[in-house]
Amino acid sequence: MKRTIACIGSGNMGAALMKGAAGIVGGEHIGFSDACKAKAEAAAGALGALTYASNTEAVSRADFVFLAVKPQVLAAVLEEISPALRARQESGRPAILISMAAGWSIGKIQARLGGSGGTAPLIARIMPNTPALIARGMIVLTASPEVPADKLDELETILGGAGIVDRLEEKYLDAVTGLSGAGPAFVYLFIEALADGGVRAGLSRDKAVCYAAQTVLGGAAMVLETGKHPGELKDMVASPAGATIAGIAALENGAFRGAVMNAVDAAFRRAQELG
């Protein structure tokens, strides 16, 4: 039997993950709930999915409930759905909540919902990123020990429709937020800067953006497919006294690596603050 999935929140990330999930379970097994009914209807319409009248209905009907809401509003959502979640738990058919809110630990979510030991809510946390929109996401998954192994496997399969899934201990999730969660924005900034450099050198804007994006895409594929260290691949491009090493020297003079490390650290620390 195919599992039913609900997504509370229909923003970019929730919609991206549901698009991937639809390829696994079918859009008819997915439903959206959102404070803005029009947004939920638009997201559902794109996938042939359903809409729920409320977050409570979503929890009452779905086996997997994705909490695709901002950390700042998660507390209110948890308070709203807690009775429905508890009713399912007591009936012997518990729903699994999947949160993607930065900084909110499994323990903190469970404490908000109440219950402990055998009555503890079943919680998973994920940290996806926006390339999930094109099924190229990096999705890191962790779960409370109460989640049965077969259900966790099923959840991993569902998430796999949106990209690569990796399981990791929860204590690392804030670091993941700083790296792969926020990372696409850093990469887009780098692509834009590469393209600006190409325009400065005389290329048209459209050509420069295309060349920059494909260069980053190809470089990333080289790291993943060859298994070589990025430094080794860099050295393969940088010949003695050549153009590439001159450009690398300019980046180092601008503290490029330090700036990138600081960006990841700043996002990591902000994720901790949000919790």
Protein backbone atom coordinates (compact mmCIF):
# COMPACT_ATOMS: atom_id res chain seq x y z
CA MET A 1 0.00 0.00 0.00
CA LYS A 2 1.32 3.42 -0.89
CA ARG A 3 1.76 5.77 2.03
CA THR A 4 -0.04 9.10 2.19
CA ILE A 5 2.02 12.25 2.58
CA ALA A 6 1.05 15.69 3.83
CA CYS A 7 3.06 18.88 3.50
CA ILE A 8 2.26 21.67 5.94
CA GLY A 9 3.55 24.72 4.10
CA SER A 10 3.74 25.05 0.33
CA GLY A 11 6.78 27.25 -0.20
CA ASN A 12 9.69 26.43 -2.50
CA MET A 13 11.26 23.71 -0.38
CA GLY A 14 8.05 21.94 0.54
CA ALA A 15 6.88 22.01 -3.07
CA ALA A 16 10.26 20.75 -4.27
CA LEU A 17 10.24 17.76 -1.94
CA MET A 18 6.64 16.93 -2.81
CA LYS A 19 7.49 17.07 -6.50
CA GLY A 20 10.12 14.43 -5.89
CA ALA A 21 7.79 12.41 -3.68
CA ALA A 22 5.11 12.46 -6.38
CA GLY A 23 7.48 10.54 -8.62
CA ILE A 24 7.67 7.83 -5.96
CA VAL A 25 4.12 7.53 -4.58
CA GLY A 26 2.04 9.48 -7.11
CA GLY A 27 0.55 12.94 -6.69
CA GLU A 28 -2.82 11.56 -5.64
CA HIS A 29 -1.24 10.33 -2.39
CA ILE A 30 0.03 13.80 -1.44
CA GLY A 31 -1.81 16.70 0.18
CA PHE A 32 -0.92 20.29 1.07
CA SER A 33 -1.98 22.52 3.92
CA ASP A 34 -1.07 26.19 4.16
CA ALA A 35 -2.21 29.33 5.95
CA CYS A 36 -2.61 30.74 2.43
CA LYS A 37 -5.18 28.48 0.79
CA ALA A 38 -4.32 29.78 -2.69
CA LYS A 39 -0.68 28.73 -2.29
CA ALA A 40 -1.69 25.24 -1.18
CA GLU A 41 -4.06 24.91 -4.13
CA ALA A 42 -1.40 26.06 -6.58
CA ALA A 43 1.17 23.59 -5.22
CA ALA A 44 -1.36 20.78 -5.22
CA GLY A 45 -2.58 21.59 -8.73
CA ALA A 46 0.94 21.30 -10.13
CA LEU A 47 1.21 17.71 -8.88
CA GLY A 48 -2.36 16.47 -9.11
CA ALA A 49 -2.35 16.43 -5.32
CA LEU A 50 -4.97 17.23 -2.68
CA THR A 51 -5.42 20.14 -0.32
CA TYR A 52 -6.35 19.82 3.33
CA ALA A 53 -8.72 22.22 5.06
CA SER A 54 -6.40 22.50 8.05
CA ASN A 55 -3.11 21.33 9.49
CA THR A 56 -5.08 19.15 11.88
CA GLU A 57 -6.73 17.34 8.97
CA ALA A 58 -3.33 16.84 7.35
CA VAL A 59 -1.99 15.12 10.47
CA SER A 60 -5.15 13.05 10.89
CA ARG A 61 -4.98 11.64 7.37
CA ALA A 62 -1.31 11.33 6.39
CA ASP A 63 1.31 8.76 7.38
CA PHE A 64 4.23 11.12 6.74
CA VAL A 65 3.74 14.79 7.63
CA PHE A 66 6.35 17.25 6.37
CA LEU A 67 6.65 20.46 8.38
CA ALA A 68 7.79 22.87 5.69
CA VAL A 69 7.48 26.00 7.80
CA LYS A 70 9.94 28.59 9.07
CA PRO A 71 11.60 28.00 12.46
CA GLN A 72 9.90 31.13 13.79
CA VAL A 73 6.38 29.68 13.30
CA LEU A 74 7.06 26.03 14.07
CA ALA A 75 6.04 26.34 17.72
CA ALA A 76 2.56 27.55 16.77
CA VAL A 77 2.13 24.76 14.22
CA LEU A 78 3.21 22.11 16.73
CA GLU A 79 0.72 23.42 19.28
CA GLU A 80 -2.04 23.28 16.67
CA ILE A 81 -1.38 19.72 15.52
CA SER A 82 -0.48 18.20 18.89
CA PRO A 83 -4.00 16.87 19.74
CA ALA A 84 -4.40 15.18 16.34
CA LEU A 85 -0.93 13.71 16.58
CA ARG A 86 -1.63 12.37 20.08
CA ALA A 87 -4.93 10.85 18.93
CA ARG A 88 -3.15 8.95 16.16
CA GLN A 89 -0.51 7.76 18.61
CA GLU A 90 -3.17 6.45 20.98
CA SER A 91 -5.01 4.70 18.14
CA GLY A 92 -1.91 2.72 17.23
CA ARG A 93 -1.34 4.36 13.86
CA PRO A 94 1.15 7.12 14.62
CA ALA A 95 2.12 9.66 11.98
CA ILE A 96 5.76 10.50 11.41
CA LEU A 97 6.60 14.21 11.49
CA ILE A 98 9.45 15.38 9.28
CA SER A 99 10.79 18.81 10.20
CA MET A 100 13.14 20.89 8.07
CA ALA A 101 13.26 23.83 10.48
CA ALA A 102 16.83 24.92 11.14
CA GLY A 103 17.94 24.70 14.73
CA TRP A 104 14.92 22.82 16.11
CA SER A 105 16.21 19.58 17.63
CA ILE A 106 14.19 16.39 17.79
CA GLY A 107 14.16 16.67 21.57
CA LYS A 108 12.81 20.21 21.46
CA ILE A 109 10.06 19.22 19.01
CA GLN A 110 9.07 16.23 21.16
CA ALA A 111 9.02 18.40 24.28
CA ARG A 112 6.65 20.84 22.55
CA LEU A 113 4.36 17.99 21.55
CA GLY A 114 4.47 16.18 24.89
CA GLY A 115 4.87 12.47 25.51
CA SER A 116 7.90 10.42 26.44
CA GLY A 117 9.15 6.86 26.31
CA GLY A 118 6.58 4.70 24.52
CA THR A 119 4.36 7.70 23.83
CA ALA A 120 7.09 9.92 22.35
CA PRO A 121 6.10 11.39 18.97
CA LEU A 122 7.88 9.92 15.93
CA ILE A 123 10.11 12.68 14.59
CA ALA A 124 12.57 12.91 11.70
CA ARG A 125 14.63 15.94 10.79
CA ILE A 126 15.93 16.74 7.35
CA MET A 127 18.08 19.46 5.89
CA PRO A 128 17.44 19.70 2.15
CA ASN A 129 18.60 22.38 -0.26
CA THR A 130 17.01 24.17 -3.21
CA PRO A 131 18.45 21.98 -6.00
CA ALA A 132 15.77 19.55 -4.84
CA LEU A 133 13.58 21.59 -7.20
CA ILE A 134 15.29 19.79 -10.09
CA ALA A 135 15.86 16.47 -8.24
CA ARG A 136 19.51 17.38 -7.60
CA GLY A 137 19.18 18.16 -3.91
CA MET A 138 21.42 17.18 -1.02
CA ILE A 139 19.13 15.95 1.73
CA VAL A 140 20.51 14.98 5.12
CA LEU A 141 18.25 12.81 7.30
CA THR A 142 18.16 11.90 10.99
CA ALA A 143 15.39 10.51 13.17
CA SER A 144 14.37 9.80 16.74
CA PRO A 145 14.96 6.23 17.92
CA GLU A 146 11.21 5.70 18.13
CA VAL A 147 10.89 5.76 14.32
CA PRO A 148 10.79 2.12 13.10
CA ALA A 149 13.62 1.13 10.76
CA ASP A 150 11.26 0.16 7.95
CA LYS A 151 9.48 3.53 8.13
CA LEU A 152 12.82 5.33 8.05
CA ASP A 153 13.80 3.32 4.97
CA GLU A 154 10.48 4.25 3.37
CA LEU A 155 11.04 7.92 4.16
CA GLU A 156 14.50 7.77 2.61
CA THR A 157 12.98 6.32 -0.56
CA ILE A 158 10.40 9.12 -0.68
CA LEU A 159 13.08 11.79 -0.22
CA GLY A 160 15.24 10.15 -2.88
CA GLY A 161 12.89 11.50 -5.53
CA ALA A 162 14.36 14.96 -4.84
CA GLY A 163 18.06 14.14 -4.75
CA ILE A 164 20.78 12.39 -2.80
CA VAL A 165 19.85 11.34 0.75
CA ASP A 166 22.42 10.76 3.47
CA ARG A 167 21.79 9.78 7.09
CA LEU A 168 23.76 11.59 9.75
CA GLU A 169 23.76 12.00 13.51
CA GLU A 170 21.57 14.88 14.59
CA LYS A 171 24.41 16.73 16.33
CA TYR A 172 25.82 17.62 12.91
CA LEU A 173 22.64 19.10 11.41
CA ASP A 174 23.43 22.73 12.21
CA ALA A 175 26.76 22.29 10.40
CA VAL A 176 24.86 20.78 7.45
CA THR A 177 22.59 23.84 7.47
CA GLY A 178 25.63 26.10 7.14
CA LEU A 179 27.19 24.02 4.38
CA SER A 180 24.71 22.37 2.03
CA GLY A 181 21.56 24.09 3.29
CA ALA A 182 22.83 27.63 2.73
CA GLY A 183 25.53 26.60 0.26
CA PRO A 184 23.56 26.95 -2.98
CA ALA A 185 23.23 30.70 -2.33
CA PHE A 186 27.02 30.93 -1.96
CA VAL A 187 27.45 28.98 -5.20
CA TYR A 188 25.02 31.25 -7.06
CA LEU A 189 26.98 34.24 -5.84
CA PHE A 190 30.19 32.65 -7.13
CA ILE A 191 28.60 31.89 -10.51
CA GLU A 192 27.41 35.48 -10.76
CA ALA A 193 30.90 36.73 -9.89
CA LEU A 194 32.50 34.40 -12.46
CA ALA A 195 30.10 35.67 -15.08
CA ASP A 196 30.82 39.28 -14.11
CA GLY A 197 34.49 38.53 -14.64
CA GLY A 198 33.72 37.15 -18.08
CA VAL A 199 31.72 40.27 -18.96
CA ARG A 200 34.57 42.42 -17.73
CA ALA A 201 36.87 40.49 -20.07
CA GLY A 202 34.54 41.13 -23.02
CA LEU A 203 32.03 38.27 -23.14
CA SER A 204 28.32 38.89 -23.53
CA ARG A 205 26.25 38.45 -20.39
CA ASP A 206 24.33 35.40 -21.61
CA LYS A 207 27.49 33.62 -22.75
CA ALA A 208 29.31 34.47 -19.52
CA VAL A 209 26.51 33.11 -17.32
CA CYS A 210 26.26 29.92 -19.39
CA TYR A 211 30.01 29.31 -19.29
CA ALA A 212 30.24 30.08 -15.58
CA ALA A 213 27.35 27.79 -14.64
CA GLN A 214 28.61 24.90 -16.76
CA THR A 215 32.09 25.34 -15.32
CA VAL A 216 30.78 25.02 -11.77
CA LEU A 217 28.57 22.07 -12.74
CA GLY A 218 31.46 20.29 -14.45
CA GLY A 219 33.85 21.02 -11.61
CA ALA A 220 31.42 19.59 -9.05
CA ALA A 221 30.92 16.47 -11.17
CA MET A 222 34.69 15.99 -11.36
CA VAL A 223 34.94 15.99 -7.56
CA LEU A 224 32.08 13.48 -7.15
CA GLU A 225 32.87 11.18 -10.05
CA THR A 226 36.67 10.98 -9.82
CA GLY A 227 36.86 10.86 -6.03
CA LYS A 228 39.94 13.08 -6.21
CA HIS A 229 40.59 15.77 -3.61
CA PRO A 230 39.57 19.24 -4.86
CA GLY A 231 43.14 20.43 -4.31
CA GLU A 232 44.45 17.71 -6.63
CA LEU A 233 41.95 18.65 -9.31
CA LYS A 234 42.92 22.32 -8.91
CA ASP A 235 46.57 21.40 -9.46
CA MET A 236 45.62 19.58 -12.68
CA VAL A 237 44.37 22.92 -14.08
CA ALA A 238 47.06 25.23 -12.70
CA SER A 239 50.15 24.85 -14.87
CA PRO A 240 53.40 26.65 -13.91
CA ALA A 241 53.35 30.39 -14.64
CA GLY A 242 49.99 29.99 -16.37
CA ALA A 243 46.76 31.94 -16.42
CA THR A 244 44.99 29.74 -13.84
CA ILE A 245 47.61 30.09 -11.11
CA ALA A 246 47.57 33.85 -11.66
CA GLY A 247 43.83 33.82 -11.04
CA ILE A 248 44.22 31.59 -7.97
CA ALA A 249 46.76 34.03 -6.56
CA ALA A 250 44.24 36.84 -7.00
CA LEU A 251 41.61 34.83 -5.14
CA GLU A 252 44.04 34.11 -2.31
CA ASN A 253 44.94 37.78 -2.09
CA GLY A 254 41.24 38.46 -1.60
CA ALA A 255 41.02 35.85 1.18
CA PHE A 256 38.61 33.79 -0.94
CA ARG A 257 38.82 30.57 1.05
CA GLY A 258 38.65 32.36 4.37
CA ALA A 259 35.59 34.30 3.23
CA VAL A 260 33.81 31.10 2.18
CA MET A 261 34.67 29.37 5.45
CA ASN A 262 33.36 32.38 7.36
CA ALA A 263 30.11 32.29 5.36
CA VAL A 264 29.51 28.64 6.30
CA ASP A 265 30.38 29.39 9.93
CA ALA A 266 28.00 32.36 10.04
CA ALA A 267 25.14 30.26 8.65
CA PHE A 268 25.99 27.46 11.10
CA ARG A 269 25.90 29.84 14.07
CA ARG A 270 22.63 31.38 12.90
CA ALA A 271 21.08 27.89 12.69
CA GLN A 272 22.07 27.35 16.32
CA GLU A 273 20.47 30.68 17.28
CA LEU A 274 17.22 29.73 15.54
CA GLY A 275 16.99 26.71 17.80
